[in-house]
């Protein structure tokens, strides 16, 4: 993807997570993700969508979900750039409790 920055982090499934974590945290806040999702690191407690602290989704699945939506979540591929999607996916996977 465009603008990916290796972080050296693991996604919990053994794969590398790519993206800018600080930028991903900003996208999480500005896109309103916390209005639907709980994520302790972001200080959010939304209950409409899954609790991301308890998520076991890997980086690739997070990118897919954010880009294409599904299960009640809107698609962000028309709203966020590929870089922003990569960044927020990396942040969520790295920040979950």
C-alpha atoms as a PDB file:
ATOM      1  CA  UNK A   1       0.000   0.000   0.000  1.00  0.00           C
ATOM      2  CA  UNK A   2       0.973   3.579  -0.485  1.00  0.00           C
ATOM      3  CA  UNK A   3       2.818   5.188   2.401  1.00  0.00           C
ATOM      4  CA  UNK A   4       3.261   2.108   4.579  1.00  0.00           C
ATOM      5  CA  UNK A   5       5.893   2.522   7.254  1.00  0.00           C
ATOM      6  CA  UNK A   6       7.151  -0.675   8.894  1.00  0.00           C
ATOM      7  CA  UNK A   7       6.792  -0.517  12.648  1.00  0.00           C
ATOM      8  CA  UNK A   8       8.484  -3.779  13.523  1.00  0.00           C
ATOM      9  CA  UNK A   9       5.452  -4.703  15.602  1.00  0.00           C
ATOM     10  CA  UNK A  10       3.672  -8.023  15.392  1.00  0.00           C
ATOM     11  CA  UNK A  11      -0.022  -8.322  14.667  1.00  0.00           C
ATOM     12  CA  UNK A  12      -0.625 -11.065  17.209  1.00  0.00           C
ATOM     13  CA  UNK A  13      -0.741 -13.647  14.431  1.00  0.00           C
ATOM     14  CA  UNK A  14       2.976 -13.502  13.677  1.00  0.00           C
ATOM     15  CA  UNK A  15       2.763 -11.060  10.766  1.00  0.00           C
ATOM     16  CA  UNK A  16       4.345  -7.635  10.561  1.00  0.00           C
ATOM     17  CA  UNK A  17       2.084  -4.670  11.135  1.00  0.00           C
ATOM     18  CA  UNK A  18       2.751  -1.759   8.807  1.00  0.00           C
ATOM     19  CA  UNK A  19       1.590   1.790   9.280  1.00  0.00           C
ATOM     20  CA  UNK A  20       2.233   4.899  11.320  1.00  0.00           C
ATOM     21  CA  UNK A  21       0.751   4.262  14.767  1.00  0.00           C
ATOM     22  CA  UNK A  22       0.610   7.921  15.834  1.00  0.00           C
ATOM     23  CA  UNK A  23      -1.107   8.890  12.582  1.00  0.00           C
ATOM     24  CA  UNK A  24      -3.457   5.917  13.007  1.00  0.00           C
ATOM     25  CA  UNK A  25      -4.453   7.116  16.467  1.00  0.00           C
ATOM     26  CA  UNK A  26      -5.269  10.530  14.979  1.00  0.00           C
ATOM     27  CA  UNK A  27      -7.376   8.930  12.227  1.00  0.00           C
ATOM     28  CA  UNK A  28      -9.185   6.776  14.816  1.00  0.00           C
ATOM     29  CA  UNK A  29     -10.155   9.964  16.659  1.00  0.00           C
ATOM     30  CA  UNK A  30     -10.949  12.158  13.659  1.00  0.00           C
ATOM     31  CA  UNK A  31     -12.990   9.515  11.825  1.00  0.00           C
ATOM     32  CA  UNK A  32     -15.147   9.003  14.913  1.00  0.00           C
ATOM     33  CA  UNK A  33     -14.244   5.341  15.392  1.00  0.00           C
ATOM     34  CA  UNK A  34     -14.615   5.679  19.154  1.00  0.00           C
ATOM     35  CA  UNK A  35     -18.286   6.575  18.847  1.00  0.00           C
ATOM     36  CA  UNK A  36     -18.884   2.909  17.949  1.00  0.00           C
ATOM     37  CA  UNK A  37     -15.854   1.090  19.360  1.00  0.00           C
ATOM     38  CA  UNK A  38     -14.228   0.719  22.761  1.00  0.00           C
ATOM     39  CA  UNK A  39     -10.434   1.046  22.654  1.00  0.00           C
ATOM     40  CA  UNK A  40      -8.759   1.838  25.967  1.00  0.00           C
ATOM     41  CA  UNK A  41      -5.642   3.356  24.420  1.00  0.00           C
ATOM     42  CA  UNK A  42      -7.832   5.884  22.592  1.00  0.00           C
ATOM     43  CA  UNK A  43      -9.983   6.524  25.666  1.00  0.00           C
ATOM     44  CA  UNK A  44     -13.159   5.460  23.865  1.00  0.00           C
ATOM     45  CA  UNK A  45     -16.076   3.376  25.073  1.00  0.00           C
ATOM     46  CA  UNK A  46     -18.475   3.005  22.150  1.00  0.00           C
ATOM     47  CA  UNK A  47     -20.795   0.004  22.299  1.00  0.00           C
ATOM     48  CA  UNK A  48     -22.353  -0.111  18.820  1.00  0.00           C
ATOM     49  CA  UNK A  49     -19.448  -2.022  17.259  1.00  0.00           C
ATOM     50  CA  UNK A  50     -17.099  -4.654  18.644  1.00  0.00           C
ATOM     51  CA  UNK A  51     -14.865  -3.873  21.616  1.00  0.00           C
ATOM     52  CA  UNK A  52     -11.480  -3.519  19.910  1.00  0.00           C
ATOM     53  CA  UNK A  53      -9.604  -4.251  23.150  1.00  0.00           C
ATOM     54  CA  UNK A  54     -11.006  -7.776  22.879  1.00  0.00           C
ATOM     55  CA  UNK A  55     -10.507  -8.162  19.129  1.00  0.00           C
ATOM     56  CA  UNK A  56      -8.297 -10.895  17.710  1.00  0.00           C
ATOM     57  CA  UNK A  57      -8.397  -9.540  14.141  1.00  0.00           C
ATOM     58  CA  UNK A  58      -5.001  -9.367  12.469  1.00  0.00           C
ATOM     59  CA  UNK A  59      -3.663  -6.419  10.494  1.00  0.00           C
ATOM     60  CA  UNK A  60      -4.762  -7.664   7.055  1.00  0.00           C
ATOM     61  CA  UNK A  61      -8.291  -8.379   8.289  1.00  0.00           C
ATOM     62  CA  UNK A  62      -8.446  -4.964   9.976  1.00  0.00           C
ATOM     63  CA  UNK A  63      -7.448  -3.236   6.717  1.00  0.00           C
ATOM     64  CA  UNK A  64     -10.117  -5.226   4.862  1.00  0.00           C
ATOM     65  CA  UNK A  65     -12.834  -4.396   7.429  1.00  0.00           C
ATOM     66  CA  UNK A  66     -12.005  -0.695   7.571  1.00  0.00           C
ATOM     67  CA  UNK A  67     -11.801  -0.365   3.790  1.00  0.00           C
ATOM     68  CA  UNK A  68     -14.863  -2.418   2.863  1.00  0.00           C
ATOM     69  CA  UNK A  69     -17.037  -2.347   5.986  1.00  0.00           C
ATOM     70  CA  UNK A  70     -19.585  -5.043   6.700  1.00  0.00           C
ATOM     71  CA  UNK A  71     -21.462  -6.388   9.684  1.00  0.00           C
ATOM     72  CA  UNK A  72     -23.039  -2.986  10.258  1.00  0.00           C
ATOM     73  CA  UNK A  73     -19.844  -0.999   9.762  1.00  0.00           C
ATOM     74  CA  UNK A  74     -19.624   1.469   6.906  1.00  0.00           C
ATOM     75  CA  UNK A  75     -16.860   1.208   4.297  1.00  0.00           C
ATOM     76  CA  UNK A  76     -14.159   3.859   4.650  1.00  0.00           C
ATOM     77  CA  UNK A  77     -12.419   3.285   1.294  1.00  0.00           C
ATOM     78  CA  UNK A  78     -14.211   6.305  -0.154  1.00  0.00           C
ATOM     79  CA  UNK A  79     -13.597   8.460   2.913  1.00  0.00           C
ATOM     80  CA  UNK A  80     -10.060   7.588   4.016  1.00  0.00           C
ATOM     81  CA  UNK A  81      -6.947   7.190   1.871  1.00  0.00           C
ATOM     82  CA  UNK A  82      -5.151   3.837   1.623  1.00  0.00           C
ATOM     83  CA  UNK A  83      -2.450   5.287   3.859  1.00  0.00           C
ATOM     84  CA  UNK A  84      -4.971   6.383   6.491  1.00  0.00           C
ATOM     85  CA  UNK A  85      -6.637   2.946   6.436  1.00  0.00           C
ATOM     86  CA  UNK A  86      -3.237   1.244   6.841  1.00  0.00           C
ATOM     87  CA  UNK A  87      -2.362   3.573   9.706  1.00  0.00           C
ATOM     88  CA  UNK A  88      -5.602   3.127  11.637  1.00  0.00           C
ATOM     89  CA  UNK A  89      -5.471  -0.663  11.140  1.00  0.00           C
ATOM     90  CA  UNK A  90      -1.908  -0.751  12.478  1.00  0.00           C
ATOM     91  CA  UNK A  91      -2.909   1.408  15.433  1.00  0.00           C
ATOM     92  CA  UNK A  92      -5.944  -0.684  16.362  1.00  0.00           C
ATOM     93  CA  UNK A  93      -4.046  -3.986  16.111  1.00  0.00           C
ATOM     94  CA  UNK A  94      -1.114  -2.613  18.127  1.00  0.00           C
ATOM     95  CA  UNK A  95      -3.159  -0.743  20.765  1.00  0.00           C
ATOM     96  CA  UNK A  96      -5.733  -3.349  21.671  1.00  0.00           C
ATOM     97  CA  UNK A  97      -5.736  -4.549  25.257  1.00  0.00           C
END
